[in-house]
Every structure is written in C-alpha cells, then in structure tokens.
Amino acid sequence: MLLEYDPRLWTSSFISFPTKYMLYNSHVVSILLYGYETIKASRGHRTQDTGI
C-alpha cells in the first residue's frame, strides 16, 4: 500500500498538492470503496434459516 511505502510522501514539500490528491484518490479511496463493496456483498449473502 502507498502509505506503508513512504509516509513522508504526504508531508513532503517537493510533491504538489494536486499530485498528492491524485495519489490519494487512486490508491486510498479505491481501497476503501473495495472494502465497502465487499462488506455490502457479504451482508447480502447472509440469510437466516427460519425453518419454514
């Protein structure tokens, strides 16, 4: 993951804010959305057996 690679990336003054924003959106947001979709899908597959 990008944050584990080099956490100094976010505080570096050599990298512009638009570049940091682009990296954040492409890596962090996509990982969060994937996790959300996975949780949503797993909840949809759970059914309770009522025995009826």
PDB file of N, CA and C in Angstrom:
ATOM      1  N   MET A   1       0.837  -1.167   0.000  1.00  0.00           N
ATOM      2  CA  MET A   1       0.000   0.000   0.000  1.00  0.00           C
ATOM      3  C   MET A   1       0.892   1.244   0.000  1.00  0.00           C
ATOM      4  N   LEU A   2       0.398   2.291  -0.544  1.00  0.00           N
ATOM      5  CA  LEU A   2       1.179   3.512  -0.714  1.00  0.00           C
ATOM      6  C   LEU A   2       1.587   4.134   0.617  1.00  0.00           C
ATOM      7  N   LEU A   3       0.708   4.126   1.599  1.00  0.00           N
ATOM      8  CA  LEU A   3       1.027   4.738   2.891  1.00  0.00           C
ATOM      9  C   LEU A   3       2.145   3.994   3.608  1.00  0.00           C
ATOM     10  N   GLU A   4       2.191   2.672   3.463  1.00  0.00           N
ATOM     11  CA  GLU A   4       3.236   1.888   4.098  1.00  0.00           C
ATOM     12  C   GLU A   4       4.565   2.070   3.379  1.00  0.00           C
ATOM     13  N   TYR A   5       4.533   2.382   2.110  1.00  0.00           N
ATOM     14  CA  TYR A   5       5.758   2.529   1.330  1.00  0.00           C
ATOM     15  C   TYR A   5       6.584   3.707   1.819  1.00  0.00           C
ATOM     16  N   ASP A   6       5.999   4.871   1.930  1.00  0.00           N
ATOM     17  CA  ASP A   6       6.734   6.047   2.403  1.00  0.00           C
ATOM     18  C   ASP A   6       5.758   7.070   2.981  1.00  0.00           C
ATOM     19  N   PRO A   7       5.562   7.063   4.284  1.00  0.00           N
ATOM     20  CA  PRO A   7       4.613   8.002   4.892  1.00  0.00           C
ATOM     21  C   PRO A   7       5.032   9.458   4.763  1.00  0.00           C
ATOM     22  N   ARG A   8       6.303   9.708   4.464  1.00  0.00           N
ATOM     23  CA  ARG A   8       6.771  11.086   4.296  1.00  0.00           C
ATOM     24  C   ARG A   8       6.215  11.724   3.027  1.00  0.00           C
ATOM     25  N   LEU A   9       5.638  10.928   2.171  1.00  0.00           N
ATOM     26  CA  LEU A   9       5.068  11.440   0.928  1.00  0.00           C
ATOM     27  C   LEU A   9       4.054  12.547   1.197  1.00  0.00           C
ATOM     28  N   TRP A  10       3.221  12.356   2.219  1.00  0.00           N
ATOM     29  CA  TRP A  10       2.130  13.290   2.482  1.00  0.00           C
ATOM     30  C   TRP A  10       2.606  14.607   3.082  1.00  0.00           C
ATOM     31  N   THR A  11       3.773  14.617   3.707  1.00  0.00           N
ATOM     32  CA  THR A  11       4.283  15.851   4.303  1.00  0.00           C
ATOM     33  C   THR A  11       5.392  16.493   3.478  1.00  0.00           C
ATOM     34  N   SER A  12       5.763  15.860   2.392  1.00  0.00           N
ATOM     35  CA  SER A  12       6.841  16.378   1.553  1.00  0.00           C
ATOM     36  C   SER A  12       6.411  17.662   0.849  1.00  0.00           C
ATOM     37  N   SER A  13       7.315  18.626   0.817  1.00  0.00           N
ATOM     38  CA  SER A  13       7.020  19.874   0.105  1.00  0.00           C
ATOM     39  C   SER A  13       7.444  19.798  -1.361  1.00  0.00           C
ATOM     40  N   PHE A  14       8.111  18.724  -1.739  1.00  0.00           N
ATOM     41  CA  PHE A  14       8.555  18.560  -3.123  1.00  0.00           C
ATOM     42  C   PHE A  14       7.452  18.031  -4.033  1.00  0.00           C
ATOM     43  N   ILE A  15       6.413  17.480  -3.438  1.00  0.00           N
ATOM     44  CA  ILE A  15       5.294  16.948  -4.213  1.00  0.00           C
ATOM     45  C   ILE A  15       4.120  17.893  -4.042  1.00  0.00           C
ATOM     46  N   SER A  16       3.541  18.310  -5.152  1.00  0.00           N
ATOM     47  CA  SER A  16       2.457  19.288  -5.103  1.00  0.00           C
ATOM     48  C   SER A  16       1.174  18.669  -4.548  1.00  0.00           C
ATOM     49  N   PHE A  17       0.303  19.535  -4.070  1.00  0.00           N
ATOM     50  CA  PHE A  17      -0.972  19.071  -3.532  1.00  0.00           C
ATOM     51  C   PHE A  17      -1.812  18.346  -4.581  1.00  0.00           C
ATOM     52  N   PRO A  18      -1.921  18.844  -5.823  1.00  0.00           N
ATOM     53  CA  PRO A  18      -2.704  18.099  -6.815  1.00  0.00           C
ATOM     54  C   PRO A  18      -2.185  16.674  -7.048  1.00  0.00           C
ATOM     55  N   THR A  19      -0.874  16.499  -6.996  1.00  0.00           N
ATOM     56  CA  THR A  19      -0.307  15.161  -7.159  1.00  0.00           C
ATOM     57  C   THR A  19      -0.648  14.279  -5.964  1.00  0.00           C
ATOM     58  N   LYS A  20      -0.556  14.832  -4.763  1.00  0.00           N
ATOM     59  CA  LYS A  20      -0.919  14.082  -3.559  1.00  0.00           C
ATOM     60  C   LYS A  20      -2.398  13.706  -3.590  1.00  0.00           C
ATOM     61  N   TYR A  21      -3.221  14.631  -4.026  1.00  0.00           N
ATOM     62  CA  TYR A  21      -4.660  14.385  -4.106  1.00  0.00           C
ATOM     63  C   TYR A  21      -4.961  13.276  -5.112  1.00  0.00           C
ATOM     64  N   MET A  22      -4.286  13.302  -6.252  1.00  0.00           N
ATOM     65  CA  MET A  22      -4.475  12.275  -7.269  1.00  0.00           C
ATOM     66  C   MET A  22      -4.051  10.902  -6.731  1.00  0.00           C
ATOM     67  N   LEU A  23      -2.920  10.842  -6.048  1.00  0.00           N
ATOM     68  CA  LEU A  23      -2.460   9.582  -5.468  1.00  0.00           C
ATOM     69  C   LEU A  23      -3.423   9.084  -4.397  1.00  0.00           C
ATOM     70  N   TYR A  24      -3.911   9.994  -3.575  1.00  0.00           N
ATOM     71  CA  TYR A  24      -4.869   9.623  -2.531  1.00  0.00           C
ATOM     72  C   TYR A  24      -6.128   9.026  -3.147  1.00  0.00           C
ATOM     73  N   ASN A  25      -6.676   9.707  -4.145  1.00  0.00           N
ATOM     74  CA  ASN A  25      -7.891   9.208  -4.784  1.00  0.00           C
ATOM     75  C   ASN A  25      -7.674   7.880  -5.488  1.00  0.00           C
ATOM     76  N   SER A  26      -6.550   7.715  -6.128  1.00  0.00           N
ATOM     77  CA  SER A  26      -6.336   6.487  -6.890  1.00  0.00           C
ATOM     78  C   SER A  26      -5.999   5.292  -6.009  1.00  0.00           C
ATOM     79  N   HIS A  27      -5.400   5.501  -4.859  1.00  0.00           N
ATOM     80  CA  HIS A  27      -4.997   4.386  -4.014  1.00  0.00           C
ATOM     81  C   HIS A  27      -5.881   4.208  -2.786  1.00  0.00           C
ATOM     82  N   VAL A  28      -5.978   5.207  -1.972  1.00  0.00           N
ATOM     83  CA  VAL A  28      -6.673   5.081  -0.693  1.00  0.00           C
ATOM     84  C   VAL A  28      -8.177   4.952  -0.889  1.00  0.00           C
ATOM     85  N   VAL A  29      -8.764   5.820  -1.674  1.00  0.00           N
ATOM     86  CA  VAL A  29     -10.215   5.787  -1.873  1.00  0.00           C
ATOM     87  C   VAL A  29     -10.636   4.489  -2.549  1.00  0.00           C
ATOM     88  N   SER A  30      -9.874   4.017  -3.520  1.00  0.00           N
ATOM     89  CA  SER A  30     -10.238   2.773  -4.198  1.00  0.00           C
ATOM     90  C   SER A  30     -10.192   1.589  -3.232  1.00  0.00           C
ATOM     91  N   ILE A  31      -9.236   1.578  -2.314  1.00  0.00           N
ATOM     92  CA  ILE A  31      -9.157   0.501  -1.325  1.00  0.00           C
ATOM     93  C   ILE A  31     -10.352   0.567  -0.376  1.00  0.00           C
ATOM     94  N   LEU A  32     -10.711   1.766   0.057  1.00  0.00           N
ATOM     95  CA  LEU A  32     -11.860   1.917   0.951  1.00  0.00           C
ATOM     96  C   LEU A  32     -13.159   1.512   0.267  1.00  0.00           C
ATOM     97  N   LEU A  33     -13.331   1.898  -0.985  1.00  0.00           N
ATOM     98  CA  LEU A  33     -14.541   1.524  -1.712  1.00  0.00           C
ATOM     99  C   LEU A  33     -14.614   0.024  -1.943  1.00  0.00           C
ATOM    100  N   TYR A  34     -13.486  -0.607  -2.220  1.00  0.00           N
ATOM    101  CA  TYR A  34     -13.463  -2.057  -2.396  1.00  0.00           C
ATOM    102  C   TYR A  34     -13.895  -2.749  -1.105  1.00  0.00           C
ATOM    103  N   GLY A  35     -13.380  -2.276   0.020  1.00  0.00           N
ATOM    104  CA  GLY A  35     -13.765  -2.850   1.302  1.00  0.00           C
ATOM    105  C   GLY A  35     -15.242  -2.660   1.588  1.00  0.00           C
ATOM    106  N   TYR A  36     -15.777  -1.502   1.266  1.00  0.00           N
ATOM    107  CA  TYR A  36     -17.200  -1.233   1.471  1.00  0.00           C
ATOM    108  C   TYR A  36     -18.050  -2.165   0.623  1.00  0.00           C
ATOM    109  N   GLU A  37     -17.693  -2.334  -0.645  1.00  0.00           N
ATOM    110  CA  GLU A  37     -18.454  -3.213  -1.531  1.00  0.00           C
ATOM    111  C   GLU A  37     -18.370  -4.662  -1.066  1.00  0.00           C
ATOM    112  N   THR A  38     -17.231  -5.066  -0.534  1.00  0.00           N
ATOM    113  CA  THR A  38     -17.076  -6.430  -0.038  1.00  0.00           C
ATOM    114  C   THR A  38     -17.975  -6.669   1.164  1.00  0.00           C
ATOM    115  N   ILE A  39     -18.011  -5.714   2.088  1.00  0.00           N
ATOM    116  CA  ILE A  39     -18.871  -5.845   3.263  1.00  0.00           C
ATOM    117  C   ILE A  39     -20.336  -5.855   2.845  1.00  0.00           C
ATOM    118  N   LYS A  40     -20.696  -4.970   1.927  1.00  0.00           N
ATOM    119  CA  LYS A  40     -22.075  -4.886   1.466  1.00  0.00           C
ATOM    120  C   LYS A  40     -22.498  -6.191   0.796  1.00  0.00           C
ATOM    121  N   ALA A  41     -21.621  -6.771  -0.008  1.00  0.00           N
ATOM    122  CA  ALA A  41     -21.944  -8.021  -0.699  1.00  0.00           C
ATOM    123  C   ALA A  41     -22.056  -9.176   0.284  1.00  0.00           C
ATOM    124  N   SER A  42     -21.180  -9.229   1.278  1.00  0.00           N
ATOM    125  CA  SER A  42     -21.226 -10.342   2.229  1.00  0.00           C
ATOM    126  C   SER A  42     -22.476 -10.258   3.101  1.00  0.00           C
ATOM    127  N   ARG A  43     -22.932  -9.066   3.401  1.00  0.00           N
ATOM    128  CA  ARG A  43     -24.172  -8.923   4.170  1.00  0.00           C
ATOM    129  C   ARG A  43     -25.374  -9.349   3.340  1.00  0.00           C
ATOM    130  N   GLY A  44     -25.319  -9.130   2.048  1.00  0.00           N
ATOM    131  CA  GLY A  44     -26.420  -9.523   1.179  1.00  0.00           C
ATOM    132  C   GLY A  44     -26.534 -11.022   1.016  1.00  0.00           C
ATOM    133  N   HIS A  45     -25.438 -11.743   1.197  1.00  0.00           N
ATOM    134  CA  HIS A  45     -25.443 -13.193   1.042  1.00  0.00           C
ATOM    135  C   HIS A  45     -25.862 -13.909   2.313  1.00  0.00           C
ATOM    136  N   ARG A  46     -25.869 -13.213   3.411  1.00  0.00           N
ATOM    137  CA  ARG A  46     -26.275 -13.833   4.668  1.00  0.00           C
ATOM    138  C   ARG A  46     -27.797 -13.938   4.709  1.00  0.00           C
ATOM    139  N   THR A  47     -28.264 -15.111   4.972  1.00  0.00           N
ATOM    140  CA  THR A  47     -29.707 -15.308   5.143  1.00  0.00           C
ATOM    141  C   THR A  47     -29.927 -16.087   6.427  1.00  0.00           C
ATOM    142  N   GLN A  48     -31.036 -15.846   7.040  1.00  0.00           N
ATOM    143  CA  GLN A  48     -31.357 -16.576   8.257  1.00  0.00           C
ATOM    144  C   GLN A  48     -32.316 -17.696   7.906  1.00  0.00           C
ATOM    145  N   ASP A  49     -32.009 -18.866   8.390  1.00  0.00           N
ATOM    146  CA  ASP A  49     -32.860 -20.027   8.158  1.00  0.00           C
ATOM    147  C   ASP A  49     -33.963 -20.021   9.210  1.00  0.00           C
ATOM    148  N   THR A  50     -35.177 -19.781   8.772  1.00  0.00           N
ATOM    149  CA  THR A  50     -36.298 -19.711   9.709  1.00  0.00           C
ATOM    150  C   THR A  50     -36.947 -21.065   9.916  1.00  0.00           C
ATOM    151  N   GLY A  51     -36.610 -22.036   9.088  1.00  0.00           N
ATOM    152  CA  GLY A  51     -37.169 -23.372   9.247  1.00  0.00           C
ATOM    153  C   GLY A  51     -38.579 -23.503   8.699  1.00  0.00           C
ATOM    154  N   ILE A  52     -39.035 -22.507   7.985  1.00  0.00           N
ATOM    155  CA  ILE A  52     -40.398 -22.564   7.434  1.00  0.00           C
ATOM    156  C   ILE A  52     -40.352 -23.037   6.010  1.00  0.00           C
TER     157      ILE A  52
END
